[in-house]
Amino acid sequence: MYVHFLTNDLLVYRVSSRREMEVLSESKTKTLSVPLSVWYNESSDSIHMNVDGKLTSVNRKPESKRGNPSLYGILEEHLKNAGKL
C-alpha cells in the first residue's frame, strides 16, 4: 500500500513500508498545488476560501448546501493554529 502526503514545503512523499520512503516531485504524482487563502466570516459562521481566484465557502452544518463539517474542522484548526480565529 502506498500513502501520499504533502508537507508544508510542498514535497510529496510515498511510503510503501515503515522503512521505505521516497520523495516524489509533483510531476510524478496526480497531486496539484494551487494558491489558497482562507478566512473566517463571523457573521455567517463560515470559512471562506479563495482558491486560485475562485471564491467559495464552507460551514459546519451538514444539512446546508455548503455544509462540510469535516473540511470545516480541518480549516478551523489551521486558522486557530495561525492565530486567525
PDB file of N, CA and C in Angstrom:
ATOM      1  N   MET A   1       0.844  -1.174   0.000  1.00  0.00           N
ATOM      2  CA  MET A   1       0.000   0.000   0.000  1.00  0.00           C
ATOM      3  C   MET A   1       0.891   1.238   0.000  1.00  0.00           C
ATOM      4  N   TYR A   2       0.528   2.214  -0.789  1.00  0.00           N
ATOM      5  CA  TYR A   2       1.256   3.470  -0.839  1.00  0.00           C
ATOM      6  C   TYR A   2       0.409   4.570  -0.225  1.00  0.00           C
ATOM      7  N   VAL A   3       1.034   5.451   0.489  1.00  0.00           N
ATOM      8  CA  VAL A   3       0.366   6.602   1.069  1.00  0.00           C
ATOM      9  C   VAL A   3       1.094   7.836   0.569  1.00  0.00           C
ATOM     10  N   HIS A   4       0.353   8.795   0.034  1.00  0.00           N
ATOM     11  CA  HIS A   4       0.943  10.054  -0.412  1.00  0.00           C
ATOM     12  C   HIS A   4       0.518  11.137   0.562  1.00  0.00           C
ATOM     13  N   PHE A   5       1.410  12.032   0.897  1.00  0.00           N
ATOM     14  CA  PHE A   5       1.041  13.167   1.706  1.00  0.00           C
ATOM     15  C   PHE A   5       1.928  14.347   1.384  1.00  0.00           C
ATOM     16  N   LEU A   6       1.369  15.537   1.611  1.00  0.00           N
ATOM     17  CA  LEU A   6       2.093  16.782   1.356  1.00  0.00           C
ATOM     18  C   LEU A   6       2.634  17.329   2.662  1.00  0.00           C
ATOM     19  N   THR A   7       3.731  18.012   2.578  1.00  0.00           N
ATOM     20  CA  THR A   7       4.273  18.714   3.729  1.00  0.00           C
ATOM     21  C   THR A   7       4.206  20.198   3.439  1.00  0.00           C
ATOM     22  N   ASN A   8       4.557  21.016   4.412  1.00  0.00           N
ATOM     23  CA  ASN A   8       4.494  22.469   4.229  1.00  0.00           C
ATOM     24  C   ASN A   8       5.391  22.965   3.112  1.00  0.00           C
ATOM     25  N   ASP A   9       6.448  22.227   2.799  1.00  0.00           N
ATOM     26  CA  ASP A   9       7.343  22.660   1.726  1.00  0.00           C
ATOM     27  C   ASP A   9       6.943  22.076   0.376  1.00  0.00           C
ATOM     28  N   LEU A  10       5.751  21.531   0.272  1.00  0.00           N
ATOM     29  CA  LEU A  10       5.142  21.034  -0.953  1.00  0.00           C
ATOM     30  C   LEU A  10       5.877  19.850  -1.582  1.00  0.00           C
ATOM     31  N   LEU A  11       6.629  19.131  -0.786  1.00  0.00           N
ATOM     32  CA  LEU A  11       7.198  17.886  -1.284  1.00  0.00           C
ATOM     33  C   LEU A  11       6.177  16.780  -1.070  1.00  0.00           C
ATOM     34  N   VAL A  12       6.153  15.836  -1.954  1.00  0.00           N
ATOM     35  CA  VAL A  12       5.248  14.705  -1.828  1.00  0.00           C
ATOM     36  C   VAL A  12       6.075  13.482  -1.482  1.00  0.00           C
ATOM     37  N   TYR A  13       5.630  12.745  -0.486  1.00  0.00           N
ATOM     38  CA  TYR A  13       6.333  11.538  -0.082  1.00  0.00           C
ATOM     39  C   TYR A  13       5.454  10.330  -0.389  1.00  0.00           C
ATOM     40  N   ARG A  14       6.064   9.233  -0.783  1.00  0.00           N
ATOM     41  CA  ARG A  14       5.347   7.976  -0.980  1.00  0.00           C
ATOM     42  C   ARG A  14       5.942   6.995   0.017  1.00  0.00           C
ATOM     43  N   VAL A  15       5.082   6.442   0.851  1.00  0.00           N
ATOM     44  CA  VAL A  15       5.532   5.499   1.866  1.00  0.00           C
ATOM     45  C   VAL A  15       4.947   4.140   1.522  1.00  0.00           C
ATOM     46  N   SER A  16       5.807   3.156   1.268  1.00  0.00           N
ATOM     47  CA  SER A  16       5.329   1.817   0.944  1.00  0.00           C
ATOM     48  C   SER A  16       5.514   0.856   2.113  1.00  0.00           C
ATOM     49  N   SER A  17       6.336   1.219   3.047  1.00  0.00           N
ATOM     50  CA  SER A  17       6.508   0.434   4.261  1.00  0.00           C
ATOM     51  C   SER A  17       7.109   1.350   5.313  1.00  0.00           C
ATOM     52  N   ARG A  18       7.284   0.852   6.508  1.00  0.00           N
ATOM     53  CA  ARG A  18       7.859   1.695   7.557  1.00  0.00           C
ATOM     54  C   ARG A  18       9.296   2.078   7.253  1.00  0.00           C
ATOM     55  N   ARG A  19       9.970   1.304   6.474  1.00  0.00           N
ATOM     56  CA  ARG A  19      11.384   1.541   6.191  1.00  0.00           C
ATOM     57  C   ARG A  19      11.638   2.286   4.890  1.00  0.00           C
ATOM     58  N   GLU A  20      10.666   2.329   4.005  1.00  0.00           N
ATOM     59  CA  GLU A  20      10.903   2.884   2.675  1.00  0.00           C
ATOM     60  C   GLU A  20      10.065   4.133   2.460  1.00  0.00           C
ATOM     61  N   MET A  21      10.731   5.248   2.225  1.00  0.00           N
ATOM     62  CA  MET A  21      10.048   6.492   1.909  1.00  0.00           C
ATOM     63  C   MET A  21      10.775   7.141   0.737  1.00  0.00           C
ATOM     64  N   GLU A  22      10.021   7.511  -0.269  1.00  0.00           N
ATOM     65  CA  GLU A  22      10.606   8.094  -1.471  1.00  0.00           C
ATOM     66  C   GLU A  22      10.033   9.489  -1.668  1.00  0.00           C
ATOM     67  N   VAL A  23      10.877  10.461  -1.914  1.00  0.00           N
ATOM     68  CA  VAL A  23      10.428  11.820  -2.199  1.00  0.00           C
ATOM     69  C   VAL A  23      10.119  11.905  -3.686  1.00  0.00           C
ATOM     70  N   LEU A  24       8.915  12.341  -3.995  1.00  0.00           N
ATOM     71  CA  LEU A  24       8.486  12.466  -5.388  1.00  0.00           C
ATOM     72  C   LEU A  24       8.261  13.925  -5.724  1.00  0.00           C
ATOM     73  N   SER A  25       8.535  14.298  -6.945  1.00  0.00           N
ATOM     74  CA  SER A  25       8.181  15.640  -7.387  1.00  0.00           C
ATOM     75  C   SER A  25       6.718  15.621  -7.805  1.00  0.00           C
ATOM     76  N   GLU A  26       6.098  16.800  -7.864  1.00  0.00           N
ATOM     77  CA  GLU A  26       4.693  16.863  -8.251  1.00  0.00           C
ATOM     78  C   GLU A  26       4.463  16.308  -9.657  1.00  0.00           C
ATOM     79  N   SER A  27       5.471  16.362 -10.518  1.00  0.00           N
ATOM     80  CA  SER A  27       5.290  15.879 -11.882  1.00  0.00           C
ATOM     81  C   SER A  27       5.129  14.366 -11.935  1.00  0.00           C
ATOM     82  N   LYS A  28       5.523  13.644 -10.887  1.00  0.00           N
ATOM     83  CA  LYS A  28       5.395  12.190 -10.866  1.00  0.00           C
ATOM     84  C   LYS A  28       4.138  11.724 -10.133  1.00  0.00           C
ATOM     85  N   THR A  29       3.309  12.646  -9.696  1.00  0.00           N
ATOM     86  CA  THR A  29       2.093  12.287  -8.966  1.00  0.00           C
ATOM     87  C   THR A  29       0.881  12.936  -9.628  1.00  0.00           C
ATOM     88  N   LYS A  30      -0.280  12.655  -9.100  1.00  0.00           N
ATOM     89  CA  LYS A  30      -1.510  13.302  -9.561  1.00  0.00           C
ATOM     90  C   LYS A  30      -1.868  14.479  -8.661  1.00  0.00           C
ATOM     91  N   THR A  31      -0.945  14.882  -7.813  1.00  0.00           N
ATOM     92  CA  THR A  31      -1.156  15.980  -6.880  1.00  0.00           C
ATOM     93  C   THR A  31      -0.877  17.309  -7.561  1.00  0.00           C
ATOM     94  N   LEU A  32      -1.717  18.291  -7.278  1.00  0.00           N
ATOM     95  CA  LEU A  32      -1.573  19.625  -7.843  1.00  0.00           C
ATOM     96  C   LEU A  32      -1.639  20.637  -6.709  1.00  0.00           C
ATOM     97  N   SER A  33      -0.712  21.554  -6.658  1.00  0.00           N
ATOM     98  CA  SER A  33      -0.737  22.630  -5.683  1.00  0.00           C
ATOM     99  C   SER A  33      -1.390  23.850  -6.312  1.00  0.00           C
ATOM    100  N   VAL A  34      -2.325  24.466  -5.575  1.00  0.00           N
ATOM    101  CA  VAL A  34      -2.985  25.679  -6.052  1.00  0.00           C
ATOM    102  C   VAL A  34      -2.913  26.730  -4.950  1.00  0.00           C
ATOM    103  N   PRO A  35      -2.885  28.010  -5.330  1.00  0.00           N
ATOM    104  CA  PRO A  35      -2.914  29.067  -4.315  1.00  0.00           C
ATOM    105  C   PRO A  35      -4.236  29.027  -3.551  1.00  0.00           C
ATOM    106  N   LEU A  36      -4.160  29.128  -2.228  1.00  0.00           N
ATOM    107  CA  LEU A  36      -5.351  29.048  -1.380  1.00  0.00           C
ATOM    108  C   LEU A  36      -5.242  30.068  -0.257  1.00  0.00           C
ATOM    109  N   SER A  37      -6.281  30.901  -0.110  1.00  0.00           N
ATOM    110  CA  SER A  37      -6.403  31.814   1.021  1.00  0.00           C
ATOM    111  C   SER A  37      -7.662  31.431   1.772  1.00  0.00           C
ATOM    112  N   VAL A  38      -7.592  31.436   3.100  1.00  0.00           N
ATOM    113  CA  VAL A  38      -8.713  31.008   3.935  1.00  0.00           C
ATOM    114  C   VAL A  38      -8.933  32.041   5.030  1.00  0.00           C
ATOM    115  N   TRP A  39     -10.210  32.399   5.299  1.00  0.00           N
ATOM    116  CA  TRP A  39     -10.523  33.311   6.390  1.00  0.00           C
ATOM    117  C   TRP A  39     -11.896  32.983   6.953  1.00  0.00           C
ATOM    118  N   TYR A  40     -12.093  33.346   8.219  1.00  0.00           N
ATOM    119  CA  TYR A  40     -13.348  33.091   8.924  1.00  0.00           C
ATOM    120  C   TYR A  40     -14.249  34.304   8.813  1.00  0.00           C
ATOM    121  N   ASN A  41     -15.528  34.066   8.519  1.00  0.00           N
ATOM    122  CA  ASN A  41     -16.530  35.118   8.464  1.00  0.00           C
ATOM    123  C   ASN A  41     -17.445  34.933   9.673  1.00  0.00           C
ATOM    124  N   GLU A  42     -17.293  35.796  10.658  1.00  0.00           N
ATOM    125  CA  GLU A  42     -18.033  35.657  11.911  1.00  0.00           C
ATOM    126  C   GLU A  42     -19.539  35.809  11.722  1.00  0.00           C
ATOM    127  N   SER A  43     -19.975  36.723  10.864  1.00  0.00           N
ATOM    128  CA  SER A  43     -21.414  36.980  10.703  1.00  0.00           C
ATOM    129  C   SER A  43     -22.162  35.777  10.125  1.00  0.00           C
ATOM    130  N   SER A  44     -21.508  34.981   9.290  1.00  0.00           N
ATOM    131  CA  SER A  44     -22.165  33.804   8.716  1.00  0.00           C
ATOM    132  C   SER A  44     -21.680  32.500   9.346  1.00  0.00           C
ATOM    133  N   ASP A  45     -20.738  32.592  10.298  1.00  0.00           N
ATOM    134  CA  ASP A  45     -20.122  31.427  10.936  1.00  0.00           C
ATOM    135  C   ASP A  45     -19.662  30.425   9.875  1.00  0.00           C
ATOM    136  N   SER A  46     -18.974  30.952   8.869  1.00  0.00           N
ATOM    137  CA  SER A  46     -18.476  30.095   7.792  1.00  0.00           C
ATOM    138  C   SER A  46     -17.022  30.444   7.503  1.00  0.00           C
ATOM    139  N   ILE A  47     -16.356  29.537   6.850  1.00  0.00           N
ATOM    140  CA  ILE A  47     -14.978  29.755   6.441  1.00  0.00           C
ATOM    141  C   ILE A  47     -14.975  29.979   4.934  1.00  0.00           C
ATOM    142  N   HIS A  48     -14.412  31.086   4.534  1.00  0.00           N
ATOM    143  CA  HIS A  48     -14.361  31.443   3.118  1.00  0.00           C
ATOM    144  C   HIS A  48     -12.990  31.096   2.553  1.00  0.00           C
ATOM    145  N   MET A  49     -12.977  30.780   1.273  1.00  0.00           N
ATOM    146  CA  MET A  49     -11.743  30.397   0.600  1.00  0.00           C
ATOM    147  C   MET A  49     -11.653  31.082  -0.746  1.00  0.00           C
ATOM    148  N   ASN A  50     -10.450  31.491  -1.064  1.00  0.00           N
ATOM    149  CA  ASN A  50     -10.121  31.956  -2.396  1.00  0.00           C
ATOM    150  C   ASN A  50      -9.164  30.918  -2.955  1.00  0.00           C
ATOM    151  N   VAL A  51      -9.656  30.135  -3.896  1.00  0.00           N
ATOM    152  CA  VAL A  51      -8.863  29.061  -4.493  1.00  0.00           C
ATOM    153  C   VAL A  51      -8.474  29.504  -5.897  1.00  0.00           C
ATOM    154  N   ASP A  52      -7.255  29.998  -6.007  1.00  0.00           N
ATOM    155  CA  ASP A  52      -6.731  30.459  -7.294  1.00  0.00           C
ATOM    156  C   ASP A  52      -7.693  31.428  -7.993  1.00  0.00           C
ATOM    157  N   GLY A  53      -8.243  32.378  -7.214  1.00  0.00           N
ATOM    158  CA  GLY A  53      -9.121  33.397  -7.782  1.00  0.00           C
ATOM    159  C   GLY A  53     -10.604  33.074  -7.742  1.00  0.00           C
ATOM    160  N   LYS A  54     -10.972  31.874  -7.387  1.00  0.00           N
ATOM    161  CA  LYS A  54     -12.381  31.463  -7.286  1.00  0.00           C
ATOM    162  C   LYS A  54     -12.783  31.480  -5.817  1.00  0.00           C
ATOM    163  N   LEU A  55     -13.909  32.145  -5.501  1.00  0.00           N
ATOM    164  CA  LEU A  55     -14.373  32.251  -4.125  1.00  0.00           C
ATOM    165  C   LEU A  55     -15.401  31.178  -3.806  1.00  0.00           C
ATOM    166  N   THR A  56     -15.289  30.604  -2.615  1.00  0.00           N
ATOM    167  CA  THR A  56     -16.260  29.631  -2.133  1.00  0.00           C
ATOM    168  C   THR A  56     -16.230  29.666  -0.614  1.00  0.00           C
ATOM    169  N   SER A  57     -17.133  28.942   0.018  1.00  0.00           N
ATOM    170  CA  SER A  57     -17.160  28.903   1.474  1.00  0.00           C
ATOM    171  C   SER A  57     -17.654  27.542   1.939  1.00  0.00           C
ATOM    172  N   VAL A  58     -17.444  27.286   3.219  1.00  0.00           N
ATOM    173  CA  VAL A  58     -17.861  26.030   3.830  1.00  0.00           C
ATOM    174  C   VAL A  58     -18.330  26.343   5.250  1.00  0.00           C
ATOM    175  N   ASN A  59     -19.330  25.583   5.721  1.00  0.00           N
ATOM    176  CA  ASN A  59     -19.753  25.737   7.110  1.00  0.00           C
ATOM    177  C   ASN A  59     -19.854  24.366   7.765  1.00  0.00           C
ATOM    178  N   ARG A  60     -20.178  24.361   9.060  1.00  0.00           N
ATOM    179  CA  ARG A  60     -20.191  23.097   9.803  1.00  0.00           C
ATOM    180  C   ARG A  60     -21.546  22.395   9.813  1.00  0.00           C
ATOM    181  N   LYS A  61     -22.546  22.950   9.127  1.00  0.00           N
ATOM    182  CA  LYS A  61     -23.913  22.401   9.142  1.00  0.00           C
ATOM    183  C   LYS A  61     -24.091  21.369   8.031  1.00  0.00           C
ATOM    184  N   PRO A  62     -24.224  20.087   8.371  1.00  0.00           N
ATOM    185  CA  PRO A  62     -24.316  19.054   7.325  1.00  0.00           C
ATOM    186  C   PRO A  62     -25.535  19.201   6.413  1.00  0.00           C
ATOM    187  N   GLU A  63     -26.597  19.832   6.896  1.00  0.00           N
ATOM    188  CA  GLU A  63     -27.805  19.980   6.078  1.00  0.00           C
ATOM    189  C   GLU A  63     -27.714  21.143   5.094  1.00  0.00           C
ATOM    190  N   SER A  64     -26.699  21.975   5.236  1.00  0.00           N
ATOM    191  CA  SER A  64     -26.531  23.153   4.380  1.00  0.00           C
ATOM    192  C   SER A  64     -25.918  22.770   3.036  1.00  0.00           C
ATOM    193  N   LYS A  65     -26.243  23.566   2.013  1.00  0.00           N
ATOM    194  CA  LYS A  65     -25.646  23.368   0.687  1.00  0.00           C
ATOM    195  C   LYS A  65     -24.123  23.464   0.758  1.00  0.00           C
ATOM    196  N   ARG A  66     -23.616  24.314   1.600  1.00  0.00           N
ATOM    197  CA  ARG A  66     -22.173  24.496   1.753  1.00  0.00           C
ATOM    198  C   ARG A  66     -21.628  23.786   2.992  1.00  0.00           C
ATOM    199  N   GLY A  67     -22.429  22.895   3.544  1.00  0.00           N
ATOM    200  CA  GLY A  67     -22.045  22.196   4.763  1.00  0.00           C
ATOM    201  C   GLY A  67     -21.066  21.050   4.526  1.00  0.00           C
ATOM    202  N   ASN A  68     -19.971  21.088   5.256  1.00  0.00           N
ATOM    203  CA  ASN A  68     -18.988  20.011   5.236  1.00  0.00           C
ATOM    204  C   ASN A  68     -18.241  20.073   6.576  1.00  0.00           C
ATOM    205  N   PRO A  69     -18.821  19.444   7.614  1.00  0.00           N
ATOM    206  CA  PRO A  69     -18.229  19.543   8.947  1.00  0.00           C
ATOM    207  C   PRO A  69     -16.773  19.077   9.004  1.00  0.00           C
ATOM    208  N   SER A  70     -16.409  18.096   8.239  1.00  0.00           N
ATOM    209  CA  SER A  70     -15.039  17.590   8.251  1.00  0.00           C
ATOM    210  C   SER A  70     -14.065  18.630   7.710  1.00  0.00           C
ATOM    211  N   LEU A  71     -14.342  19.176   6.542  1.00  0.00           N
ATOM    212  CA  LEU A  71     -13.487  20.207   5.954  1.00  0.00           C
ATOM    213  C   LEU A  71     -13.464  21.445   6.830  1.00  0.00           C
ATOM    214  N   TYR A  72     -14.622  21.834   7.348  1.00  0.00           N
ATOM    215  CA  TYR A  72     -14.703  22.992   8.232  1.00  0.00           C
ATOM    216  C   TYR A  72     -13.770  22.801   9.426  1.00  0.00           C
ATOM    217  N   GLY A  73     -13.812  21.629  10.035  1.00  0.00           N
ATOM    218  CA  GLY A  73     -12.978  21.346  11.194  1.00  0.00           C
ATOM    219  C   GLY A  73     -11.494  21.427  10.883  1.00  0.00           C
ATOM    220  N   ILE A  74     -11.097  20.921   9.730  1.00  0.00           N
ATOM    221  CA  ILE A  74      -9.691  20.974   9.318  1.00  0.00           C
ATOM    222  C   ILE A  74      -9.241  22.428   9.132  1.00  0.00           C
ATOM    223  N   LEU A  75     -10.046  23.195   8.402  1.00  0.00           N
ATOM    224  CA  LEU A  75      -9.696  24.598   8.152  1.00  0.00           C
ATOM    225  C   LEU A  75      -9.747  25.419   9.439  1.00  0.00           C
ATOM    226  N   GLU A  76     -10.726  25.130  10.293  1.00  0.00           N
ATOM    227  CA  GLU A  76     -10.846  25.830  11.571  1.00  0.00           C
ATOM    228  C   GLU A  76      -9.591  25.599  12.426  1.00  0.00           C
ATOM    229  N   GLU A  77      -9.107  24.377  12.456  1.00  0.00           N
ATOM    230  CA  GLU A  77      -7.900  24.061  13.214  1.00  0.00           C
ATOM    231  C   GLU A  77      -6.685  24.847  12.688  1.00  0.00           C
ATOM    232  N   HIS A  78      -6.553  24.921  11.366  1.00  0.00           N
ATOM    233  CA  HIS A  78      -5.446  25.678  10.778  1.00  0.00           C
ATOM    234  C   HIS A  78      -5.557  27.170  11.090  1.00  0.00           C
ATOM    235  N   LEU A  79      -6.774  27.707  11.029  1.00  0.00           N
ATOM    236  CA  LEU A  79      -6.970  29.120  11.361  1.00  0.00           C
ATOM    237  C   LEU A  79      -6.632  29.396  12.822  1.00  0.00           C
ATOM    238  N   LYS A  80      -7.046  28.508  13.725  1.00  0.00           N
ATOM    239  CA  LYS A  80      -6.731  28.672  15.145  1.00  0.00           C
ATOM    240  C   LYS A  80      -5.232  28.603  15.379  1.00  0.00           C
ATOM    241  N   ASN A  81      -4.582  27.618  14.768  1.00  0.00           N
ATOM    242  CA  ASN A  81      -3.128  27.463  14.936  1.00  0.00           C
ATOM    243  C   ASN A  81      -2.344  28.668  14.422  1.00  0.00           C
ATOM    244  N   ALA A  82      -2.906  29.348  13.431  1.00  0.00           N
ATOM    245  CA  ALA A  82      -2.257  30.531  12.861  1.00  0.00           C
ATOM    246  C   ALA A  82      -2.639  31.810  13.595  1.00  0.00           C
ATOM    247  N   GLY A  83      -3.511  31.687  14.616  1.00  0.00           N
ATOM    248  CA  GLY A  83      -3.947  32.862  15.357  1.00  0.00           C
ATOM    249  C   GLY A  83      -4.938  33.732  14.613  1.00  0.00           C
ATOM    250  N   LYS A  84      -5.621  33.168  13.630  1.00  0.00           N
ATOM    251  CA  LYS A  84      -6.562  33.929  12.806  1.00  0.00           C
ATOM    252  C   LYS A  84      -8.012  33.728  13.246  1.00  0.00           C
ATOM    253  N   LEU A  85      -8.222  32.926  14.273  1.00  0.00           N
ATOM    254  CA  LEU A  85      -9.582  32.628  14.738  1.00  0.00           C
ATOM    255  C   LEU A  85      -9.631  32.668  16.241  1.00  0.00           C
TER     256      LEU A  85
END
